[in-house]
Protein backbone atom coordinates (compact mmCIF):
# COMPACT_ATOMS: atom_id res chain seq x y z
CA THR A 1 105.08 110.28 87.28
CA GLY A 2 102.59 107.64 88.95
CA SER A 3 103.93 104.87 91.05
CA GLY A 4 103.92 102.67 88.11
CA GLY A 5 106.52 105.03 86.32
CA VAL A 6 108.71 105.08 89.51
CA GLY A 7 107.87 101.14 90.12
CA ARG A 8 109.42 100.69 85.96
CA GLY A 9 112.11 103.06 86.90
CA LEU A 10 112.99 100.42 89.89
CA LEU A 11 112.74 97.59 87.58
CA ALA A 12 115.44 98.96 85.26
CA ALA A 13 117.62 99.80 88.12
CA ALA A 14 117.33 96.42 89.91
CA GLY A 15 118.76 94.87 86.85
CA LEU A 16 122.37 96.20 88.30
CA ALA A 17 121.82 94.65 91.49
CA SER A 18 123.32 91.57 93.01
CA HIS A 19 121.93 88.40 92.10
CA SER A 20 121.51 87.64 95.76
CA ALA A 21 118.93 90.34 96.88
CA PRO A 22 116.09 88.85 98.35
CA CYS A 23 112.77 88.98 97.05
CA LEU A 24 110.44 92.25 97.99
CA ALA A 25 107.17 91.54 97.46
CA PRO A 26 105.26 91.55 100.78
CA GLY A 27 102.91 88.77 102.09
CA PRO A 28 102.93 85.11 100.55
CA GLN A 29 105.44 84.54 98.07
CA PRO A 30 104.62 83.07 94.39
CA ALA A 31 104.85 79.51 93.90
CA ALA A 32 108.02 80.28 91.61
CA SER A 33 109.76 81.87 94.46
CA SER A 34 108.81 79.59 97.21
CA SER A 35 112.33 78.32 97.43
CA GLY A 36 114.40 81.47 98.43
CA CYS A 37 114.37 83.99 95.72
CA GLY A 38 113.93 82.33 92.48
CA ASN A 39 116.16 84.16 89.32
CA GLY A 40 117.83 86.52 91.85
CA ALA A 41 117.61 90.08 90.44
CA ASP A 42 114.97 89.48 87.80
CA ASP A 43 112.54 87.93 90.59
CA SER A 44 113.62 90.93 92.72
CA ALA A 45 112.95 93.61 90.53
CA ALA A 46 109.55 92.15 89.45
CA ALA A 47 108.24 91.96 93.36
CA ALA A 48 109.66 95.53 93.84
CA ALA A 49 107.68 96.92 90.68
CA ALA A 50 104.70 94.60 91.93
CA MET A 51 104.76 96.30 95.13
CA ALA A 52 105.26 100.07 93.81
CA ASP A 53 102.41 99.58 91.36
CA GLY A 54 100.17 97.53 93.55
CA ALA A 55 100.11 100.05 96.40
CA SER A 56 96.55 101.46 97.50
CA ASP A 57 95.94 105.16 97.22
CA GLU A 58 95.81 105.66 100.92
CA GLU A 59 99.70 104.07 101.24
CA LEU A 60 100.64 106.59 97.87
CA THR A 61 99.14 109.42 99.81
CA ALA A 62 100.86 108.31 103.41
CA LEU A 63 104.35 107.73 102.38
CA SER A 64 106.61 108.52 99.09
CA GLU A 65 107.83 105.34 96.82
CA GLY A 66 111.11 105.59 98.29
CA ARG A 67 110.25 105.48 101.81
CA ARG A 68 107.63 102.82 101.37
CA ILE A 69 110.53 100.38 99.85
CA ALA A 70 112.90 101.82 102.44
CA ASN A 71 110.66 100.58 105.26
CA ASN A 72 109.41 97.27 103.90
CA ALA A 73 111.07 94.20 105.32
CA ARG A 74 112.18 93.01 101.67
CA GLY A 75 112.26 96.30 99.91
CA HIS A 76 114.94 97.89 102.15
CA THR A 77 117.12 94.96 101.07
CA VAL A 78 116.46 95.89 97.32
CA LEU A 79 117.36 99.72 98.00
CA CYS A 80 120.69 98.61 99.69
CA GLU A 81 121.88 96.42 96.80
CA LEU A 82 120.93 99.25 94.49
CA LEU A 83 122.68 101.82 96.29
CA ALA A 84 125.85 99.39 96.68
CA THR A 85 126.11 98.40 93.02
CA ALA A 86 124.22 101.76 91.42
CA GLY A 87 124.14 104.53 93.95
CA GLY A 88 124.55 106.93 91.34
CA GLU A 89 122.01 105.65 88.73
CA PRO A 90 119.08 108.33 88.40
CA ALA A 91 116.26 105.62 89.40
CA THR A 92 118.24 105.00 92.63
CA VAL A 93 119.27 108.60 93.28
CA ARG A 94 115.45 109.37 93.01
CA LEU A 95 114.68 106.56 95.24
CA VAL A 96 116.99 107.58 97.86
CA ASP A 97 116.03 111.38 97.76
CA GLU A 98 112.29 110.15 98.37
CA ALA A 99 113.37 108.08 101.51
CA ILE A 100 115.12 110.70 103.22
CA ALA A 101 113.27 113.62 101.93
CA ASP A 102 110.64 114.14 104.54
CA GLU A 103 111.88 113.59 107.99
CA PRO A 104 114.87 111.53 107.72
CA ALA A 105 115.01 110.86 111.31
CA LEU A 106 112.23 108.49 111.12
CA LEU A 107 113.88 106.45 108.69
CA CYS A 108 116.96 106.27 110.93
CA CYS A 109 114.69 105.14 114.04
CA HIS A 110 113.07 102.35 111.82
CA LYS A 111 113.61 98.68 112.02
CA PHE A 112 114.21 98.26 108.30
CA GLY A 113 114.92 102.06 107.11
CA HIS A 114 117.73 102.71 109.12
CA ARG A 115 119.62 100.11 106.94
CA VAL A 116 119.13 102.12 104.38
CA ALA A 117 120.11 105.30 105.92
CA ILE A 118 123.30 103.74 106.69
CA ALA A 119 123.94 102.45 103.00
CA THR A 120 123.14 105.81 102.06
CA LEU A 121 126.05 107.15 104.36
CA ALA A 122 128.56 104.41 102.48
CA HIS A 123 127.30 104.94 99.17
CA GLY A 124 124.96 107.75 98.74
CA LEU A 125 125.62 111.35 97.22
CA PRO A 126 127.46 113.68 99.71
CA ARG A 127 124.06 115.52 99.85
CA GLN A 128 122.25 112.85 100.62
CA ARG A 129 125.17 111.63 103.56
CA THR A 130 124.90 115.45 104.41
CA ARG A 131 120.80 114.98 105.11
CA ILE A 132 121.12 111.89 107.15
CA VAL A 133 123.81 113.57 109.42
CA GLU A 134 122.07 117.08 109.88
CA ALA A 135 119.00 114.76 111.04
CA LEU A 136 120.75 112.99 113.34
CA SER A 137 122.46 116.13 114.58
CA SER A 138 118.93 117.67 115.72
CA HIS A 139 118.40 115.01 118.75
CA VAL A 140 121.89 113.34 118.78
CA GLN A 141 121.75 112.45 122.68
CA ARG A 142 118.09 110.39 122.12
CA PHE A 143 119.19 108.88 118.98
CA ALA A 144 122.62 107.54 120.46
CA ARG A 145 120.18 105.67 122.83
CA HIS A 146 117.70 104.14 120.64
CA ARG A 147 117.90 100.81 119.36
CA PHE A 148 118.24 101.73 115.75
CA ALA A 149 119.19 105.61 114.91
CA SER A 150 122.59 104.34 117.35
CA GLN A 151 123.66 102.25 114.85
CA VAL A 152 123.23 104.96 112.16
CA LEU A 153 124.89 107.36 114.13
CA GLU A 154 127.50 105.07 115.02
CA ARG A 155 128.46 104.31 111.15
CA ALA A 156 128.20 107.91 110.67
CA LEU A 157 131.13 108.53 112.85
CA GLU A 158 133.07 105.89 111.12
CA ILE A 159 132.21 106.80 107.23
CA CYS A 160 132.47 110.58 107.80
CA GLY A 161 133.80 111.44 111.14
CA ASN A 162 137.03 113.34 110.08
CA ASP A 163 134.90 115.16 107.23
CA GLN A 164 133.59 118.70 107.61
CA VAL A 165 130.32 117.26 107.66
CA CYS A 166 130.23 115.66 111.15
CA ALA A 167 131.69 118.57 112.68
CA ASN A 168 128.30 119.85 114.22
CA LEU A 169 127.20 115.84 115.07
CA ILE A 170 130.43 115.69 117.09
CA ALA A 171 130.47 118.80 118.81
CA GLU A 172 126.51 118.16 119.93
CA LEU A 173 127.85 114.70 121.29
CA LEU A 174 130.88 116.49 123.39
CA ARG A 175 128.90 119.59 124.27
CA TYR A 176 127.81 118.38 127.70
CA PRO A 177 130.49 115.74 129.38
CA GLY A 178 128.19 114.57 131.75
CA VAL A 179 125.76 113.61 129.48
CA LEU A 180 128.59 112.05 127.68
CA ALA A 181 129.37 109.83 130.64
CA LYS A 182 125.58 108.56 130.79
CA LEU A 183 125.66 107.32 127.53
CA ALA A 184 128.86 105.40 128.04
CA CYS A 185 126.46 103.71 130.49
CA HIS A 186 123.92 102.95 127.86
CA CYS A 187 123.81 99.67 125.73
CA PHE A 188 123.21 101.63 122.98
CA GLY A 189 125.02 104.68 123.63
CA ALA A 190 128.44 103.14 124.68
CA LYS A 191 128.81 101.75 121.21
CA VAL A 192 128.37 105.53 120.18
CA VAL A 193 130.60 106.44 122.55
CA ARG A 194 133.79 103.90 121.90
CA ARG A 195 133.66 105.08 117.99
CA LEU A 196 133.54 108.91 119.09
CA MET A 197 136.73 107.78 121.10
CA SER A 198 138.25 106.48 117.99
CA LEU A 199 138.32 109.78 116.39
CA PRO A 200 141.41 111.56 116.57
CA GLY A 201 139.78 114.97 117.02
CA ALA A 202 137.51 113.86 119.83
CA GLN A 203 139.62 111.40 121.45
CA ALA A 204 141.24 113.62 124.03
CA THR A 205 138.24 114.67 125.23
CA VAL A 206 136.39 111.84 125.54
CA ILE A 207 139.02 110.46 127.31
CA GLU A 208 139.00 113.24 129.85
CA CYS A 209 135.20 112.68 130.18
CA LEU A 210 135.57 109.24 131.41
CA ARG A 211 138.55 109.85 133.27
CA ASN A 212 136.16 112.34 135.17
CA ALA A 213 133.31 110.13 135.65
CA GLU A 214 135.20 106.75 136.75
CA ASP A 215 133.63 106.44 140.01
CA ARG A 216 130.32 106.16 137.63
CA LEU A 217 131.52 104.35 134.97
CA ARG A 218 133.05 101.51 137.39
CA LYS A 219 129.70 100.58 138.61
CA ASP A 220 127.84 100.32 135.48
CA ARG A 221 128.31 97.13 133.40
CA PHE A 222 128.12 98.78 129.92
CA GLY A 223 130.53 101.95 131.56
CA PHE A 224 132.81 99.78 133.24
CA GLN A 225 133.50 98.12 129.57
CA VAL A 226 134.38 101.61 127.82
CA TRP A 227 136.19 102.65 130.88
CA GLN A 228 138.57 99.89 130.50
CA GLU A 229 138.64 100.07 126.98
CA ALA A 230 139.82 103.62 127.17
CA GLY A 231 142.62 102.10 128.98
CA LEU A 232 142.03 103.89 132.58
CA ALA A 233 141.39 100.80 134.26
CA ALA A 234 145.00 99.76 134.36
CA GLY A 235 146.16 103.43 134.71
CA HIS A 236 147.85 104.03 131.57
CA ALA A 237 148.99 107.33 130.35
CA VAL A 238 145.80 107.05 127.80
CA HIS A 239 146.49 110.21 126.13
CA SER A 240 149.57 108.81 124.23
CA SER A 241 149.06 105.12 124.62
CA LEU A 242 145.63 105.19 122.51
CA ALA A 243 147.01 108.13 119.86
CA PRO A 244 148.26 106.61 116.64
CA GLY A 245 152.01 105.32 116.99
CA GLY A 246 151.99 106.30 120.63
CA GLY A 247 153.57 104.43 123.41
CA ALA A 248 152.68 104.31 127.34
């Protein structure tokens, strides 16, 4: 099926999207859409089809339809809408599969694509979520420090951190205690450590790591904040006080 068929598939699926979905067409907008997005989903769908059907041969060769839409400044919002409202529809499933088929880690690191990755974690099929989590697990320490991939990693821990699909991801984060302490001192990594610390199965290990790295954490802006949030600054009995229903 050529780009036109896929574009028409998106046109049909976009009819299920929220009427607040932004316009997708790149470059100057037509006069009818100059103030906002015109008629909502209808305009979004038409713009999506125009982008899909009007791509050059070089663009089609370089990226799949789903990946091009996911990486587009406006296209990713339409795809996120489709995931939230019609994640199981064949047209949506196909576009998401295409977006994550080749090196999904690159999608997680993209300015717009990472939002599609997050939406996939929240609304995609189980196999699609697994695909993203496995990609994050491949270089988890690097992704934890990446401006966009760290947001996907944080959301993965939040959405499926207690599921088996994230077991390897969590194990990789906890593998080297010294590296975990370094993450706590990083502007993006600190958020990942906080989320990791919220998981019952990882909480004790994270807190012990932070306790052992107290001197380093107290000297760092981000590390000190994580250290305080863990209850270490006040000298609390953190293992019991941070546990659900626990006391000091």
